[in-house]
Amino acid sequence: MIEAKDSNQLFSRSLELPCGAVLKNRLVKSAMSDSLADGEGSPTQAQVRLYERWTEGGVALSIIGEVQADPRFPEKPGNLVLGKHSNLEMLRKLTTRASINGAHIWPQIGHAGALSHAPISLPTGPSALEIGSFQCAGMSITEVKQLPDTYAKAALMAKEVGFTGIQIHAGHGFLLSQFLSPLFNHRNDQYGGSIEARCRIIVEVIDKVRRAVGTSFPIGIKINSTDQLEGGLTQDDALEAIRILNQTSIDLIELSGGTYFPGAKSSSDSSGAGPYFVDFSKKAQQVTSIPIVVTGGFKTRTQAMDSLISGAVDMVGIARAMVLNPSLANDWLTNTGADPVFPRFETAPSGGITAWYTMRLTALGNDAESSFALCLPSAIRLYEERDELRCHKWRKKFSS
């Protein structure tokens, strides 16, 4: 536990990861689906500027959400893709400008699996499912065994274009999270059944990625503490998964929770008092020596500081608060400025709050947040119109 007298300096303490890389302070801009790629898997000028602003704002690490290793299974048509179609020049511009001031920039490498965006994908998960209106195909054993190579190739490209580390996405209901979840994973081979078997593909991905990028390149992972779904990943199984991760070469574990399964309540849209997963992190600290980041519900400097002081977390992950104030890290590091004021919406149609924050990210990337004044219906309309246009571009680019 950190002594209270040292708390004012706690945010600015550096953290050395197991691989030897150093994060300059204890604040992470956690992954969000910024939806700012160009519809063909490559960065835009607005996306470059967005991550530059967070770096200028003082974060130790920014993570770009939903970066796809396989364009057949994207979360949205605004995702980045690391593959043969990538615009290397724009990727290098992104990593150069997002790593100033000693900051790290990592892509969150993922595969949406059963939650792939249906207009540009054939959703495919660990097992074939039909739950109400939700349907997905199941992966063959050959397809499962190809996953480590797919992730490793994307990770190596990330290193080559200047990313300073990578995060493997095994949370929020996407493919590797689906393997962990008994709700999605009904397999009866070596990748299904016990929690050890459901973790197997994740361990294989980590091992292959490590061989590709070398011993000194940071590899993080995002994992759920719970799916918050009946029949999904439980906290007991999540703790066992963290015990297993402790035997791998992972450098940073980010804990979150919830899923984007249709009809499920997103943790990020919770109206309850945050932070949400600190108590679970206290348990996780007992089963791993790997540094832990917790993301979800941090809205004030005091909340973040208290979590660090308690020793429950090694770093604090911030997402929406840094959308409201991209210089929040500097404000908290220097104890200047007020905590962000979160907007209140009288009604919140499904997906509306996410759309509002996503469109504000666009405004940040264009240095235009001072004139941003969208209501939820307008945000949803603009968000959906943009996605529809990008779907056309995505299909044309990746049709083969």
Foldseek 3Di string as FASTA:
>chain_A
DADPVCLLQQQQPWDQWPLGDIQRGFEEAEEDALLQADLLQEHDLLLLLLLLLLVVLPGSEYEYEFEELDLQAGLFSSHHYQDDSYDLVRLLSSQVSNCPPNHAYAYAYAGQAQNGDVLRHQREACDFDDDPPRTHHHDDPVRLVCVLVSLQSSLLSCVVSRHQAYEYECAQRGHLVLLQWQVNHPDPDQSDDANVSSCVSVQSNLVSNCVNPDSNRAYEYEYECWQQDVRTHHNVSVLVSLLVVQPGSHGEYEYDYHHVPPPTDRLQPDPDADDDCLVSLQVSVVRHPHAYEYEGRDFALVVQSVSVNVVSHSHYHDHLQCLQPSSVSVCSSNVHDGTGDDDDAPDAPVPQVVLLSSVSSSCSSVVRNVPDDDHSVVSVVVSVVVSVVSSVVSCVSPVD
